[in-house]
Structure formats: C-alpha cells, structure tokens
Amino acid sequence: MSDSERITLAITGASGAQYGLRLLQCLLAVDKQVFVMISRAAQVVINTETDLKLPGTPSEQEAFLSKEYSAEEGQLKVFGREQWMAPVASGSGAPSKMVVCPCSTGTLSAVATGASNNLIERAADVALKERRQLILVPREAPYSEIHLEHMLKLTRMGTVVIPASPGFYNRPATVEDMIDFVVARILNQLDIDQSLLPRWGDDLI
C-alpha cells in the first residue's frame, strides 16, 4: 500500500472520543490503512462516553475495532504506547499524515515541547521533524494561556489545529450530525472526499 493510502490516528484522553472513532470509521470506509494509537486515558473516555467496551491490549483493540468497523485484514493496525519498532516511530516508516483526535491538552503540551515519552508523542514529533502533515483536534473549555501558546507554537511549525467546535449553519438534527461536522473538516484537510458535510457554496455550483 502506498504512503498516500496510510494515515496515523491517535486518540487521546480528551472528551470527544466519538470524533476519533467516527474519523476512524470514515478512513476505513475509503480504503485507507490506519495506524492507530489509543492512550490509556482515551480507553477510559471511550468506555465512559460511548457504548463500546474497548479491551485493554493493542492486539485485542485491533481485533475489536476491525470487527466493529468492518476493516479488511491488515487495514487497521493498533500500536501500544511503548511499541518503539512501530513504523510511526521513525521518519523512514511513518505515514505522511497524522491526526490526533481528540487531542488532550497534556498531549498538546508534550507535542509542543518534543517530549516523546510515549509512541503517540514520538509519532507527532516525527511528523514535525519530517515536515509532514499533523492535525490536532483539541477539546477543552476554556483554553488557558498555556494551551493557546502551545497551539500558536505548533501552528507556526505547520501544524493544523482544528478545535472540536461544531458549527450550526447546517442545522444539525442529532449529536451524530455535530460529530460529522468536525470529522468532515478533518477529512477536508486530509484532502479526502467526504459526503458528511457539503462544502460551502456547493449549492451554487
């Protein structure tokens, strides 16, 4: 599979696990191979905010999510927090695009300072050092000056920050519509065709 067909997705412990899971579902549906990392806090959030009961080990998570989202064999790979031989840990093996969705403010801080204390942070560090596409989707309210400084610093490095802030001009009727609004914005940034949300002005073309 070519590099353009691979995407790294990290799900961390901010509220809004639904955004990351829906993004995973959409990426698999368009035949992308997805390298997934789920933080320990994200496991707690997923089990709290959704009806999914995510198992504890990466191999179990891979089997569970592959079945849940009907992934083809080998299409979804889940890596553990200290699995340093994973492709995402090196510039020679990592995909050219990475999304952290949702992105906790702790992860935001670690990425901004190059901490690399676990595989998620290292993968983001690789994306930055290799000048590859990195998208962070923070979900916090309100933002402190520290959070804003980290976002500004990363934006100046080329990172795209997409706050998990649904719009309402499309008149969402369900929570799922609000989730899809944010996921559609992420897919647009990844240059992946999506039908979740019409692009602005499409009705005039």
N, C-alpha and C. Protein backbone atom coordinates (compact mmCIF):
# COMPACT_ATOMS: atom_id res chain seq x y z
N MET A 1 0.85 -1.19 0.00
CA MET A 1 0.00 0.00 0.00
C MET A 1 0.88 1.24 0.00
N SER A 2 0.56 2.22 -0.85
CA SER A 2 1.38 3.43 -0.96
C SER A 2 1.23 4.30 0.27
N ASP A 3 2.23 5.19 0.48
CA ASP A 3 2.20 6.05 1.65
C ASP A 3 0.97 6.93 1.67
N SER A 4 0.48 7.34 0.50
CA SER A 4 -0.69 8.22 0.43
C SER A 4 -1.95 7.52 0.93
N GLU A 5 -1.92 6.20 1.02
CA GLU A 5 -3.08 5.44 1.48
C GLU A 5 -2.98 5.09 2.95
N ARG A 6 -1.94 5.59 3.64
CA ARG A 6 -1.76 5.31 5.07
C ARG A 6 -1.91 6.59 5.86
N ILE A 7 -2.56 6.48 7.03
CA ILE A 7 -2.74 7.63 7.91
C ILE A 7 -2.55 7.16 9.35
N THR A 8 -1.86 7.98 10.13
CA THR A 8 -1.71 7.71 11.55
C THR A 8 -2.82 8.44 12.31
N LEU A 9 -3.50 7.72 13.19
CA LEU A 9 -4.56 8.31 14.02
C LEU A 9 -4.28 7.98 15.48
N ALA A 10 -4.14 9.04 16.28
CA ALA A 10 -4.01 8.87 17.72
C ALA A 10 -5.27 9.40 18.40
N ILE A 11 -5.77 8.63 19.35
CA ILE A 11 -6.92 9.04 20.15
C ILE A 11 -6.45 9.19 21.58
N THR A 12 -6.55 10.42 22.12
CA THR A 12 -6.06 10.65 23.48
C THR A 12 -7.21 10.98 24.41
N GLY A 13 -6.88 11.34 25.65
CA GLY A 13 -7.88 11.33 26.71
C GLY A 13 -8.75 12.54 26.89
N ALA A 14 -8.85 13.40 25.89
CA ALA A 14 -9.83 14.49 25.99
C ALA A 14 -11.23 13.94 25.77
N SER A 15 -12.22 14.64 26.31
CA SER A 15 -13.60 14.29 25.98
C SER A 15 -13.79 14.47 24.49
N GLY A 16 -14.63 13.61 23.90
CA GLY A 16 -14.84 13.69 22.46
C GLY A 16 -14.28 12.49 21.72
N ALA A 17 -14.25 11.35 22.40
CA ALA A 17 -13.77 10.12 21.76
C ALA A 17 -14.57 9.81 20.50
N GLN A 18 -15.83 10.25 20.47
CA GLN A 18 -16.68 9.98 19.31
C GLN A 18 -16.09 10.56 18.02
N TYR A 19 -15.42 11.69 18.12
CA TYR A 19 -14.80 12.28 16.93
C TYR A 19 -13.74 11.35 16.35
N GLY A 20 -12.88 10.85 17.21
CA GLY A 20 -11.82 9.97 16.73
C GLY A 20 -12.34 8.67 16.18
N LEU A 21 -13.33 8.09 16.84
CA LEU A 21 -13.89 6.83 16.37
C LEU A 21 -14.62 6.99 15.05
N ARG A 22 -15.35 8.08 14.90
CA ARG A 22 -16.04 8.34 13.63
C ARG A 22 -15.04 8.60 12.51
N LEU A 23 -13.96 9.31 12.82
CA LEU A 23 -12.92 9.53 11.82
C LEU A 23 -12.31 8.21 11.40
N LEU A 24 -12.04 7.33 12.35
CA LEU A 24 -11.51 6.00 12.03
C LEU A 24 -12.44 5.27 11.10
N GLN A 25 -13.72 5.28 11.41
CA GLN A 25 -14.72 4.61 10.57
C GLN A 25 -14.70 5.16 9.15
N CYS A 26 -14.62 6.47 9.02
CA CYS A 26 -14.63 7.10 7.69
C CYS A 26 -13.36 6.78 6.90
N LEU A 27 -12.22 6.76 7.56
CA LEU A 27 -10.97 6.45 6.89
C LEU A 27 -10.96 5.01 6.38
N LEU A 28 -11.45 4.10 7.19
CA LEU A 28 -11.52 2.70 6.77
C LEU A 28 -12.49 2.53 5.61
N ALA A 29 -13.57 3.30 5.61
CA ALA A 29 -14.60 3.18 4.57
C ALA A 29 -14.08 3.61 3.20
N VAL A 30 -13.04 4.46 3.18
CA VAL A 30 -12.47 4.88 1.89
C VAL A 30 -11.13 4.18 1.63
N ASP A 31 -10.96 3.02 2.28
CA ASP A 31 -9.85 2.11 2.00
C ASP A 31 -8.48 2.63 2.39
N LYS A 32 -8.42 3.50 3.40
CA LYS A 32 -7.13 3.90 3.93
C LYS A 32 -6.64 2.85 4.92
N GLN A 33 -5.34 2.66 4.97
CA GLN A 33 -4.77 1.85 6.05
C GLN A 33 -4.49 2.80 7.20
N VAL A 34 -4.95 2.45 8.40
CA VAL A 34 -4.86 3.35 9.53
C VAL A 34 -4.01 2.72 10.63
N PHE A 35 -2.97 3.45 11.03
CA PHE A 35 -2.14 3.07 12.16
C PHE A 35 -2.70 3.80 13.39
N VAL A 36 -3.22 3.06 14.34
CA VAL A 36 -3.96 3.64 15.46
C VAL A 36 -3.19 3.49 16.76
N MET A 37 -3.23 4.55 17.57
CA MET A 37 -2.71 4.52 18.93
C MET A 37 -3.76 5.11 19.86
N ILE A 38 -4.02 4.44 20.95
CA ILE A 38 -5.05 4.86 21.89
C ILE A 38 -4.41 4.98 23.26
N SER A 39 -4.43 6.17 23.83
CA SER A 39 -3.81 6.36 25.14
C SER A 39 -4.63 5.66 26.22
N ARG A 40 -4.02 5.49 27.38
CA ARG A 40 -4.73 4.85 28.50
C ARG A 40 -5.94 5.69 28.91
N ALA A 41 -5.74 7.00 28.96
CA ALA A 41 -6.87 7.87 29.32
C ALA A 41 -7.97 7.78 28.28
N ALA A 42 -7.60 7.64 27.01
CA ALA A 42 -8.61 7.53 25.95
C ALA A 42 -9.44 6.27 26.11
N GLN A 43 -8.81 5.19 26.57
CA GLN A 43 -9.57 3.96 26.81
C GLN A 43 -10.66 4.20 27.85
N VAL A 44 -10.32 4.94 28.89
CA VAL A 44 -11.30 5.26 29.92
C VAL A 44 -12.42 6.12 29.34
N VAL A 45 -12.04 7.12 28.54
CA VAL A 45 -13.04 8.02 27.95
C VAL A 45 -13.96 7.26 27.00
N ILE A 46 -13.39 6.40 26.16
CA ILE A 46 -14.21 5.63 25.22
C ILE A 46 -15.22 4.77 25.97
N ASN A 47 -14.77 4.12 27.03
CA ASN A 47 -15.68 3.26 27.80
C ASN A 47 -16.70 4.05 28.60
N THR A 48 -16.41 5.34 28.83
CA THR A 48 -17.33 6.20 29.57
C THR A 48 -18.31 6.91 28.65
N GLU A 49 -17.83 7.42 27.52
CA GLU A 49 -18.63 8.28 26.65
C GLU A 49 -19.40 7.52 25.57
N THR A 50 -19.01 6.29 25.30
CA THR A 50 -19.65 5.54 24.22
C THR A 50 -20.18 4.21 24.74
N ASP A 51 -20.88 3.51 23.88
CA ASP A 51 -21.40 2.18 24.23
C ASP A 51 -20.36 1.09 23.99
N LEU A 52 -19.21 1.46 23.44
CA LEU A 52 -18.16 0.48 23.19
C LEU A 52 -17.46 0.12 24.49
N LYS A 53 -17.07 -1.11 24.62
CA LYS A 53 -16.28 -1.57 25.75
C LYS A 53 -14.94 -2.05 25.19
N LEU A 54 -14.03 -1.11 25.07
CA LEU A 54 -12.76 -1.36 24.41
C LEU A 54 -11.87 -2.23 25.29
N PRO A 55 -11.35 -3.33 24.76
CA PRO A 55 -10.45 -4.16 25.57
C PRO A 55 -9.12 -3.46 25.83
N GLY A 56 -8.28 -4.08 26.67
CA GLY A 56 -7.12 -3.38 27.19
C GLY A 56 -5.86 -3.43 26.36
N THR A 57 -5.59 -4.52 25.63
CA THR A 57 -4.31 -4.65 24.94
C THR A 57 -4.44 -4.21 23.48
N PRO A 58 -3.33 -3.75 22.88
CA PRO A 58 -3.38 -3.33 21.47
C PRO A 58 -3.90 -4.41 20.53
N SER A 59 -3.48 -5.65 20.72
CA SER A 59 -3.94 -6.72 19.82
C SER A 59 -5.44 -6.95 19.95
N GLU A 60 -5.95 -6.88 21.18
CA GLU A 60 -7.39 -7.03 21.40
C GLU A 60 -8.15 -5.84 20.82
N GLN A 61 -7.60 -4.65 20.98
CA GLN A 61 -8.23 -3.45 20.42
C GLN A 61 -8.28 -3.52 18.89
N GLU A 62 -7.20 -4.00 18.31
CA GLU A 62 -7.15 -4.14 16.85
C GLU A 62 -8.24 -5.08 16.35
N ALA A 63 -8.38 -6.21 17.00
CA ALA A 63 -9.42 -7.18 16.60
C ALA A 63 -10.81 -6.60 16.82
N PHE A 64 -11.00 -5.93 17.96
CA PHE A 64 -12.30 -5.37 18.30
C PHE A 64 -12.71 -4.28 17.30
N LEU A 65 -11.82 -3.33 17.03
CA LEU A 65 -12.15 -2.22 16.13
C LEU A 65 -12.26 -2.68 14.69
N SER A 66 -11.46 -3.66 14.30
CA SER A 66 -11.57 -4.20 12.93
C SER A 66 -12.94 -4.81 12.71
N LYS A 67 -13.43 -5.52 13.70
CA LYS A 67 -14.76 -6.12 13.59
C LYS A 67 -15.84 -5.05 13.64
N GLU A 68 -15.70 -4.09 14.56
CA GLU A 68 -16.70 -3.04 14.74
C GLU A 68 -16.90 -2.21 13.48
N TYR A 69 -15.80 -1.95 12.75
CA TYR A 69 -15.86 -1.07 11.58
C TYR A 69 -15.60 -1.80 10.27
N SER A 70 -15.68 -3.13 10.31
CA SER A 70 -15.59 -3.97 9.10
C SER A 70 -14.33 -3.68 8.29
N ALA A 71 -13.20 -3.62 8.98
CA ALA A 71 -11.92 -3.38 8.30
C ALA A 71 -11.45 -4.64 7.60
N GLU A 72 -10.79 -4.44 6.47
CA GLU A 72 -10.17 -5.56 5.78
C GLU A 72 -8.96 -6.04 6.58
N GLU A 73 -8.54 -7.26 6.31
CA GLU A 73 -7.38 -7.80 7.00
C GLU A 73 -6.15 -6.92 6.76
N GLY A 74 -5.50 -6.49 7.83
CA GLY A 74 -4.31 -5.66 7.71
C GLY A 74 -4.57 -4.19 7.51
N GLN A 75 -5.84 -3.80 7.37
CA GLN A 75 -6.15 -2.40 7.10
C GLN A 75 -6.01 -1.53 8.35
N LEU A 76 -6.22 -2.11 9.51
CA LEU A 76 -6.15 -1.37 10.77
C LEU A 76 -5.10 -2.02 11.66
N LYS A 77 -4.13 -1.22 12.10
CA LYS A 77 -3.08 -1.70 12.98
C LYS A 77 -3.06 -0.84 14.24
N VAL A 78 -3.14 -1.46 15.39
CA VAL A 78 -3.11 -0.74 16.66
C VAL A 78 -1.75 -0.98 17.33
N PHE A 79 -1.09 0.10 17.74
CA PHE A 79 0.21 0.01 18.37
C PHE A 79 0.14 0.50 19.82
N GLY A 80 0.92 -0.14 20.68
CA GLY A 80 0.95 0.21 22.09
C GLY A 80 1.84 1.41 22.37
N ARG A 81 1.72 1.95 23.58
CA ARG A 81 2.37 3.21 23.94
C ARG A 81 3.89 3.12 23.92
N GLU A 82 4.47 1.92 24.06
CA GLU A 82 5.92 1.77 24.05
C GLU A 82 6.38 0.80 22.97
N GLN A 83 5.61 0.72 21.91
CA GLN A 83 5.96 -0.17 20.80
C GLN A 83 6.87 0.60 19.82
N TRP A 84 8.13 0.76 20.23
CA TRP A 84 9.04 1.67 19.54
C TRP A 84 9.46 1.18 18.16
N MET A 85 9.23 -0.07 17.84
CA MET A 85 9.55 -0.59 16.50
C MET A 85 8.43 -0.37 15.50
N ALA A 86 7.34 0.27 15.92
CA ALA A 86 6.23 0.56 15.01
C ALA A 86 6.67 1.56 13.93
N PRO A 87 6.11 1.48 12.74
CA PRO A 87 6.50 2.38 11.65
C PRO A 87 6.40 3.86 12.01
N VAL A 88 5.41 4.21 12.85
CA VAL A 88 5.18 5.62 13.17
C VAL A 88 6.30 6.23 14.00
N ALA A 89 7.21 5.41 14.54
CA ALA A 89 8.27 5.91 15.40
C ALA A 89 9.47 6.43 14.62
N SER A 90 9.45 6.28 13.31
CA SER A 90 10.60 6.69 12.51
C SER A 90 10.16 7.42 11.25
N GLY A 91 10.95 8.41 10.86
CA GLY A 91 10.64 9.15 9.64
C GLY A 91 10.70 8.29 8.40
N SER A 92 11.43 7.17 8.45
CA SER A 92 11.52 6.30 7.28
C SER A 92 10.32 5.38 7.13
N GLY A 93 9.47 5.30 8.18
CA GLY A 93 8.35 4.38 8.12
C GLY A 93 7.00 4.99 8.34
N ALA A 94 6.97 6.20 8.93
CA ALA A 94 5.69 6.82 9.29
C ALA A 94 4.93 7.31 8.07
N PRO A 95 3.59 7.23 8.11
CA PRO A 95 2.79 7.83 7.04
C PRO A 95 3.02 9.33 6.95
N SER A 96 2.64 9.92 5.85
CA SER A 96 2.86 11.35 5.63
C SER A 96 1.81 12.22 6.31
N LYS A 97 0.77 11.59 6.89
CA LYS A 97 -0.30 12.35 7.53
C LYS A 97 -0.62 11.74 8.89
N MET A 98 -0.80 12.62 9.89
CA MET A 98 -1.16 12.16 11.23
C MET A 98 -2.22 13.08 11.81
N VAL A 99 -3.18 12.47 12.50
CA VAL A 99 -4.24 13.21 13.19
C VAL A 99 -4.28 12.74 14.64
N VAL A 100 -4.36 13.70 15.56
CA VAL A 100 -4.62 13.38 16.97
C VAL A 100 -6.01 13.89 17.27
N CYS A 101 -6.95 12.95 17.47
CA CYS A 101 -8.36 13.32 17.57
C CYS A 101 -9.10 12.39 18.53
N PRO A 102 -9.58 12.90 19.67
CA PRO A 102 -9.32 14.24 20.18
C PRO A 102 -7.91 14.34 20.74
N CYS A 103 -7.44 15.57 20.89
CA CYS A 103 -6.11 15.82 21.43
C CYS A 103 -6.24 16.45 22.81
N SER A 104 -5.81 15.74 23.82
CA SER A 104 -5.85 16.29 25.17
C SER A 104 -4.85 17.43 25.30
N THR A 105 -5.05 18.31 26.28
CA THR A 105 -4.11 19.40 26.46
C THR A 105 -2.76 18.88 26.96
N GLY A 106 -2.76 17.73 27.62
CA GLY A 106 -1.50 17.11 28.01
C GLY A 106 -0.70 16.67 26.80
N THR A 107 -1.38 16.05 25.83
CA THR A 107 -0.71 15.65 24.59
C THR A 107 -0.27 16.88 23.81
N LEU A 108 -1.11 17.90 23.77
CA LEU A 108 -0.76 19.16 23.12
C LEU A 108 0.54 19.70 23.68
N SER A 109 0.67 19.72 24.99
CA SER A 109 1.87 20.21 25.65
C SER A 109 3.08 19.36 25.28
N ALA A 110 2.91 18.03 25.32
CA ALA A 110 4.03 17.13 25.02
C ALA A 110 4.51 17.30 23.59
N VAL A 111 3.58 17.44 22.65
CA VAL A 111 3.96 17.61 21.25
C VAL A 111 4.68 18.95 21.06
N ALA A 112 4.17 20.00 21.70
CA ALA A 112 4.75 21.33 21.55
C ALA A 112 6.17 21.41 22.11
N THR A 113 6.47 20.57 23.09
CA THR A 113 7.79 20.61 23.73
C THR A 113 8.69 19.45 23.33
N GLY A 114 8.21 18.59 22.42
CA GLY A 114 9.04 17.48 21.94
C GLY A 114 9.30 16.42 22.99
N ALA A 115 8.35 16.16 23.87
CA ALA A 115 8.58 15.25 25.00
C ALA A 115 8.89 13.82 24.55
N SER A 116 8.08 13.27 23.64
CA SER A 116 8.29 11.92 23.10
C SER A 116 8.39 10.86 24.20
N ASN A 117 7.53 10.95 25.20
CA ASN A 117 7.55 9.98 26.30
C ASN A 117 6.78 8.70 25.99
N ASN A 118 5.99 8.71 24.93
CA ASN A 118 5.28 7.51 24.51
C ASN A 118 5.16 7.54 22.99
N LEU A 119 4.57 6.50 22.42
CA LEU A 119 4.56 6.38 20.96
C LEU A 119 3.72 7.46 20.29
N ILE A 120 2.64 7.89 20.92
CA ILE A 120 1.83 8.96 20.35
C ILE A 120 2.66 10.23 20.21
N GLU A 121 3.33 10.59 21.30
CA GLU A 121 4.15 11.81 21.28
C GLU A 121 5.30 11.68 20.30
N ARG A 122 5.92 10.52 20.23
CA ARG A 122 7.02 10.30 19.29
C ARG A 122 6.52 10.39 17.85
N ALA A 123 5.37 9.81 17.56
CA ALA A 123 4.83 9.87 16.20
C ALA A 123 4.56 11.30 15.77
N ALA A 124 4.03 12.11 16.68
CA ALA A 124 3.81 13.52 16.37
C ALA A 124 5.13 14.26 16.18
N ASP A 125 6.11 13.91 16.99
CA ASP A 125 7.44 14.51 16.85
C ASP A 125 8.04 14.17 15.49
N VAL A 126 7.84 12.95 15.05
CA VAL A 126 8.32 12.54 13.72
C VAL A 126 7.64 13.37 12.64
N ALA A 127 6.33 13.55 12.76
CA ALA A 127 5.60 14.35 11.77
C ALA A 127 6.17 15.77 11.70
N LEU A 128 6.48 16.35 12.85
CA LEU A 128 7.03 17.70 12.87
C LEU A 128 8.42 17.75 12.27
N LYS A 129 9.29 16.85 12.67
CA LYS A 129 10.67 16.92 12.21
C LYS A 129 10.80 16.60 10.72
N GLU A 130 9.88 15.79 10.21
CA GLU A 130 9.90 15.44 8.79
C GLU A 130 9.07 16.40 7.94
N ARG A 131 8.50 17.44 8.59
CA ARG A 131 7.68 18.44 7.89
C ARG A 131 6.49 17.79 7.19
N ARG A 132 5.85 16.87 7.91
CA ARG A 132 4.68 16.18 7.36
C ARG A 132 3.41 16.76 7.96
N GLN A 133 2.27 16.35 7.41
CA GLN A 133 1.00 16.91 7.86
C GLN A 133 0.64 16.39 9.24
N LEU A 134 0.38 17.31 10.15
CA LEU A 134 -0.04 16.97 11.50
C LEU A 134 -1.27 17.80 11.84
N ILE A 135 -2.35 17.12 12.21
CA ILE A 135 -3.61 17.78 12.56
C ILE A 135 -3.94 17.43 14.02
N LEU A 136 -4.17 18.45 14.83
CA LEU A 136 -4.54 18.24 16.22
C LEU A 136 -5.96 18.76 16.44
N VAL A 137 -6.76 17.98 17.15
CA VAL A 137 -8.16 18.33 17.39
C VAL A 137 -8.38 18.44 18.90
N PRO A 138 -8.05 19.60 19.49
CA PRO A 138 -8.23 19.75 20.94
C PRO A 138 -9.70 19.91 21.31
N ARG A 139 -10.04 19.45 22.51
CA ARG A 139 -11.40 19.60 23.03
C ARG A 139 -11.28 19.98 24.50
N GLU A 140 -11.33 21.27 24.75
CA GLU A 140 -11.20 21.79 26.10
C GLU A 140 -11.94 23.11 26.18
N ALA A 141 -12.37 23.50 27.37
CA ALA A 141 -13.04 24.79 27.52
C ALA A 141 -13.00 25.19 28.99
N PRO A 142 -12.54 26.39 29.29
CA PRO A 142 -11.89 27.32 28.37
C PRO A 142 -10.43 26.93 28.16
N TYR A 143 -9.77 27.57 27.19
CA TYR A 143 -8.35 27.36 26.98
C TYR A 143 -7.56 28.31 27.88
N SER A 144 -6.52 27.80 28.51
CA SER A 144 -5.64 28.65 29.30
C SER A 144 -4.61 29.30 28.37
N GLU A 145 -3.88 30.25 28.91
CA GLU A 145 -2.81 30.87 28.12
C GLU A 145 -1.77 29.84 27.70
N ILE A 146 -1.52 28.86 28.55
CA ILE A 146 -0.58 27.80 28.21
C ILE A 146 -1.06 27.03 26.99
N HIS A 147 -2.35 26.64 26.98
CA HIS A 147 -2.90 25.90 25.84
C HIS A 147 -2.78 26.72 24.56
N LEU A 148 -3.13 27.98 24.64
CA LEU A 148 -3.10 28.84 23.46
C LEU A 148 -1.68 29.06 22.96
N GLU A 149 -0.73 29.19 23.88
CA GLU A 149 0.67 29.34 23.48
C GLU A 149 1.16 28.09 22.76
N HIS A 150 0.77 26.92 23.25
CA HIS A 150 1.18 25.68 22.61
C HIS A 150 0.57 25.57 21.21
N MET A 151 -0.70 25.94 21.08
CA MET A 151 -1.34 25.89 19.76
C MET A 151 -0.68 26.86 18.79
N LEU A 152 -0.35 28.06 19.27
CA LEU A 152 0.33 29.04 18.41
C LEU A 152 1.69 28.53 17.98
N LYS A 153 2.44 27.99 18.92
CA LYS A 153 3.77 27.46 18.62
C LYS A 153 3.69 26.36 17.56
N LEU A 154 2.75 25.43 17.72
CA LEU A 154 2.61 24.33 16.77
C LEU A 154 2.09 24.81 15.42
N THR A 155 1.18 25.78 15.43
CA THR A 155 0.68 26.33 14.18
C THR A 155 1.82 26.96 13.39
N ARG A 156 2.72 27.64 14.06
CA ARG A 156 3.87 28.25 13.39
C ARG A 156 4.81 27.21 12.80
N MET A 157 4.75 25.98 13.33
CA MET A 157 5.56 24.88 12.78
C MET A 157 4.87 24.20 11.61
N GLY A 158 3.63 24.59 11.32
CA GLY A 158 2.91 23.98 10.21
C GLY A 158 1.79 23.05 10.60
N THR A 159 1.61 22.84 11.91
CA THR A 159 0.51 22.00 12.38
C THR A 159 -0.82 22.70 12.13
N VAL A 160 -1.84 21.93 11.79
CA VAL A 160 -3.20 22.46 11.66
C VAL A 160 -3.97 22.11 12.93
N VAL A 161 -4.50 23.11 13.60
CA VAL A 161 -5.29 22.91 14.81
C VAL A 161 -6.76 23.11 14.46
N ILE A 162 -7.55 22.07 14.66
CA ILE A 162 -8.99 22.11 14.40
C ILE A 162 -9.72 21.86 15.71
N PRO A 163 -10.13 22.89 16.42
CA PRO A 163 -10.87 22.66 17.67
C PRO A 163 -12.15 21.88 17.39
N ALA A 164 -12.50 21.03 18.32
CA ALA A 164 -13.74 20.25 18.17
C ALA A 164 -14.93 21.15 18.47
N SER A 165 -15.19 22.06 17.54
CA SER A 165 -16.24 23.07 17.70
C SER A 165 -17.23 22.97 16.55
N PRO A 166 -18.28 22.19 16.71
CA PRO A 166 -19.25 22.03 15.61
C PRO A 166 -19.93 23.35 15.26
N GLY A 167 -20.19 23.55 13.97
CA GLY A 167 -20.98 24.69 13.52
C GLY A 167 -22.46 24.32 13.48
N PHE A 168 -23.29 25.32 13.29
CA PHE A 168 -24.74 25.07 13.30
C PHE A 168 -25.45 25.60 12.06
N TYR A 169 -24.68 26.12 11.10
CA TYR A 169 -25.32 26.63 9.89
C TYR A 169 -25.91 25.51 9.04
N ASN A 170 -25.46 24.27 9.28
CA ASN A 170 -26.05 23.14 8.56
C ASN A 170 -27.26 22.55 9.29
N ARG A 171 -27.66 23.23 10.38
CA ARG A 171 -28.82 22.83 11.18
C ARG A 171 -28.78 21.36 11.60
N PRO A 172 -27.81 20.99 12.43
CA PRO A 172 -27.71 19.59 12.86
C PRO A 172 -28.94 19.16 13.64
N ALA A 173 -29.39 17.96 13.34
CA ALA A 173 -30.59 17.44 14.00
C ALA A 173 -30.25 16.43 15.08
N THR A 174 -29.02 15.91 15.06
CA THR A 174 -28.62 14.88 16.00
C THR A 174 -27.19 15.15 16.49
N VAL A 175 -26.81 14.47 17.54
CA VAL A 175 -25.43 14.53 18.01
C VAL A 175 -24.49 14.02 16.92
N GLU A 176 -24.94 13.00 16.21
CA GLU A 176 -24.12 12.44 15.13
C GLU A 176 -23.83 13.49 14.05
N ASP A 177 -24.81 14.35 13.76
CA ASP A 177 -24.59 15.42 12.79
C ASP A 177 -23.49 16.37 13.27
N MET A 178 -23.47 16.65 14.55
CA MET A 178 -22.47 17.55 15.12
C MET A 178 -21.08 16.91 15.08
N ILE A 179 -21.01 15.62 15.34
CA ILE A 179 -19.75 14.89 15.23
C ILE A 179 -19.26 14.93 13.79
N ASP A 180 -20.16 14.67 12.86
CA ASP A 180 -19.79 14.64 11.44
C ASP A 180 -19.29 15.99 10.95
N PHE A 181 -19.78 17.07 11.51
CA PHE A 181 -19.31 18.40 11.11
C PHE A 181 -17.81 18.51 11.33
N VAL A 182 -17.35 18.11 12.50
CA VAL A 182 -15.92 18.21 12.82
C VAL A 182 -15.12 17.20 12.00
N VAL A 183 -15.62 15.99 11.89
CA VAL A 183 -14.91 14.96 11.13
C VAL A 183 -14.79 15.36 9.66
N ALA A 184 -15.82 15.98 9.11
CA ALA A 184 -15.77 16.44 7.72
C ALA A 184 -14.65 17.46 7.53
N ARG A 185 -14.48 18.36 8.51
CA ARG A 185 -13.41 19.36 8.43
C ARG A 185 -12.03 18.69 8.42
N ILE A 186 -11.90 17.64 9.22
CA ILE A 186 -10.63 16.91 9.24
C ILE A 186 -10.38 16.23 7.90
N LEU A 187 -11.40 15.57 7.37
CA LEU A 187 -11.26 14.89 6.07
C LEU A 187 -10.92 15.89 4.97
N ASN A 188 -11.51 17.07 5.01
CA ASN A 188 -11.18 18.10 4.03
C ASN A 188 -9.69 18.46 4.10
N GLN A 189 -9.17 18.61 5.31
CA GLN A 189 -7.76 18.92 5.48
C GLN A 189 -6.86 17.80 4.97
N LEU A 190 -7.33 16.56 5.10
CA LEU A 190 -6.57 15.41 4.62
C LEU A 190 -6.73 15.22 3.11
N ASP A 191 -7.54 16.08 2.48
CA ASP A 191 -7.82 16.00 1.05
C ASP A 191 -8.47 14.66 0.68
N ILE A 192 -9.41 14.26 1.52
CA ILE A 192 -10.16 13.03 1.30
C ILE A 192 -11.61 13.41 1.01
N ASP A 193 -12.14 12.93 -0.10
CA ASP A 193 -13.52 13.21 -0.46
C ASP A 193 -14.46 12.71 0.64
N GLN A 194 -15.44 13.54 0.98
CA GLN A 194 -16.39 13.15 2.01
C GLN A 194 -17.77 13.69 1.66
N SER A 195 -18.79 12.98 2.15
CA SER A 195 -20.17 13.39 1.91
C SER A 195 -20.88 13.70 3.23
N LEU A 196 -20.12 13.88 4.30
CA LEU A 196 -20.72 14.15 5.61
C LEU A 196 -21.28 15.56 5.68
N LEU A 197 -20.62 16.49 5.01
CA LEU A 197 -20.98 17.90 5.09
C LEU A 197 -20.67 18.56 3.75
N PRO A 198 -21.66 19.19 3.11
CA PRO A 198 -21.39 19.87 1.84
C PRO A 198 -20.38 20.99 2.04
N ARG A 199 -19.50 21.16 1.07
CA ARG A 199 -18.57 22.29 1.13
C ARG A 199 -19.35 23.58 0.91
N TRP A 200 -18.89 24.64 1.54
CA TRP A 200 -19.58 25.93 1.46
C TRP A 200 -19.68 26.36 0.00
N GLY A 201 -20.90 26.70 -0.42
CA GLY A 201 -21.14 27.19 -1.77
C GLY A 201 -21.39 26.12 -2.80
N ASP A 202 -21.35 24.84 -2.40
CA ASP A 202 -21.59 23.76 -3.37
C ASP A 202 -22.95 23.89 -4.04
N ASP A 203 -23.92 24.44 -3.33
CA ASP A 203 -25.27 24.54 -3.90
C ASP A 203 -25.35 25.60 -5.00
N LEU A 204 -24.31 26.41 -5.14
CA LEU A 204 -24.29 27.44 -6.19
C LEU A 204 -23.51 27.02 -7.42
N ILE A 205 -22.92 25.82 -7.36
CA ILE A 205 -22.10 25.36 -8.49
C ILE A 205 -22.94 24.47 -9.41
